[in-house]
């Protein structure tokens, strides 16, 4: 019975691993696009680029 469960769980585990990999790839791509857009806007507006913008939430960033 244990062997049967391992076989039944294998497709689910494979699916979950694949979904997590795809999501990670999507997140990296989105972050790269956001960074590029932010740098482009900063360059147009002649603003300094904050390199630590994506490290932490806005709540942590503006805590008083």
C-alpha atoms as a PDB file:
ATOM      1  CA  UNK A   1       0.000   0.000   0.000  1.00  0.00           C
ATOM      2  CA  UNK A   2       2.867   2.394   0.728  1.00  0.00           C
ATOM      3  CA  UNK A   3       4.199   1.795  -2.780  1.00  0.00           C
ATOM      4  CA  UNK A   4       0.780   2.641  -4.219  1.00  0.00           C
ATOM      5  CA  UNK A   5       0.679   5.957  -2.321  1.00  0.00           C
ATOM      6  CA  UNK A   6       4.155   6.926  -3.533  1.00  0.00           C
ATOM      7  CA  UNK A   7       3.096   6.283  -7.118  1.00  0.00           C
ATOM      8  CA  UNK A   8      -0.129   8.241  -6.637  1.00  0.00           C
ATOM      9  CA  UNK A   9       1.706  11.181  -5.042  1.00  0.00           C
ATOM     10  CA  UNK A  10       4.432  11.358  -7.700  1.00  0.00           C
ATOM     11  CA  UNK A  11       2.319  13.195 -10.322  1.00  0.00           C
ATOM     12  CA  UNK A  12       1.072  15.662  -7.704  1.00  0.00           C
ATOM     13  CA  UNK A  13       4.597  16.324  -6.418  1.00  0.00           C
ATOM     14  CA  UNK A  14       5.860  16.759  -9.974  1.00  0.00           C
ATOM     15  CA  UNK A  15       3.004  19.147 -10.759  1.00  0.00           C
ATOM     16  CA  UNK A  16       3.637  21.188  -7.601  1.00  0.00           C
ATOM     17  CA  UNK A  17       7.382  21.391  -8.273  1.00  0.00           C
ATOM     18  CA  UNK A  18       6.731  22.485 -11.854  1.00  0.00           C
ATOM     19  CA  UNK A  19       4.169  25.064 -10.743  1.00  0.00           C
ATOM     20  CA  UNK A  20       6.573  26.481  -8.142  1.00  0.00           C
ATOM     21  CA  UNK A  21       9.363  26.682 -10.731  1.00  0.00           C
ATOM     22  CA  UNK A  22       7.090  28.501 -13.176  1.00  0.00           C
ATOM     23  CA  UNK A  23       5.925  30.902 -10.477  1.00  0.00           C
ATOM     24  CA  UNK A  24       9.528  31.641  -9.442  1.00  0.00           C
ATOM     25  CA  UNK A  25      10.411  32.322 -13.071  1.00  0.00           C
ATOM     26  CA  UNK A  26       7.396  34.633 -13.400  1.00  0.00           C
ATOM     27  CA  UNK A  27       8.315  36.543 -10.228  1.00  0.00           C
ATOM     28  CA  UNK A  28      11.925  37.036 -11.359  1.00  0.00           C
ATOM     29  CA  UNK A  29      10.726  38.310 -14.739  1.00  0.00           C
ATOM     30  CA  UNK A  30       8.203  40.682 -13.166  1.00  0.00           C
ATOM     31  CA  UNK A  31      10.768  42.052 -10.729  1.00  0.00           C
ATOM     32  CA  UNK A  32      13.231  42.629 -13.560  1.00  0.00           C
ATOM     33  CA  UNK A  33      10.565  44.466 -15.580  1.00  0.00           C
ATOM     34  CA  UNK A  34       9.567  46.587 -12.583  1.00  0.00           C
ATOM     35  CA  UNK A  35      13.202  47.445 -11.927  1.00  0.00           C
ATOM     36  CA  UNK A  36      13.749  48.426 -15.558  1.00  0.00           C
ATOM     37  CA  UNK A  37      10.593  50.565 -15.605  1.00  0.00           C
ATOM     38  CA  UNK A  38      11.549  52.236 -12.319  1.00  0.00           C
ATOM     39  CA  UNK A  39      15.038  53.017 -13.607  1.00  0.00           C
ATOM     40  CA  UNK A  40      13.607  54.373 -16.857  1.00  0.00           C
ATOM     41  CA  UNK A  41      11.167  56.642 -14.999  1.00  0.00           C
ATOM     42  CA  UNK A  42      13.928  57.820 -12.652  1.00  0.00           C
ATOM     43  CA  UNK A  43      16.153  58.599 -15.591  1.00  0.00           C
ATOM     44  CA  UNK A  44      13.365  60.560 -17.328  1.00  0.00           C
ATOM     45  CA  UNK A  45      12.631  62.498 -14.145  1.00  0.00           C
ATOM     46  CA  UNK A  46      16.323  62.749 -13.256  1.00  0.00           C
ATOM     47  CA  UNK A  47      15.770  61.156  -9.864  1.00  0.00           C
ATOM     48  CA  UNK A  48      18.344  59.107  -7.974  1.00  0.00           C
ATOM     49  CA  UNK A  49      17.660  55.397  -8.148  1.00  0.00           C
ATOM     50  CA  UNK A  50      17.042  53.785  -4.765  1.00  0.00           C
ATOM     51  CA  UNK A  51      18.763  50.402  -4.995  1.00  0.00           C
ATOM     52  CA  UNK A  52      17.044  49.073  -1.857  1.00  0.00           C
ATOM     53  CA  UNK A  53      13.478  49.788  -2.975  1.00  0.00           C
ATOM     54  CA  UNK A  54      12.483  46.146  -3.393  1.00  0.00           C
ATOM     55  CA  UNK A  55      13.990  44.944  -0.115  1.00  0.00           C
ATOM     56  CA  UNK A  56      11.106  45.064   2.358  1.00  0.00           C
ATOM     57  CA  UNK A  57       7.545  46.216   2.514  1.00  0.00           C
ATOM     58  CA  UNK A  58       6.361  49.792   2.347  1.00  0.00           C
ATOM     59  CA  UNK A  59       5.130  49.485   5.915  1.00  0.00           C
ATOM     60  CA  UNK A  60       8.687  48.721   7.092  1.00  0.00           C
ATOM     61  CA  UNK A  61      10.096  51.447   4.873  1.00  0.00           C
ATOM     62  CA  UNK A  62       7.904  54.246   6.226  1.00  0.00           C
ATOM     63  CA  UNK A  63       7.622  53.172   9.848  1.00  0.00           C
ATOM     64  CA  UNK A  64       7.875  56.086  12.241  1.00  0.00           C
END
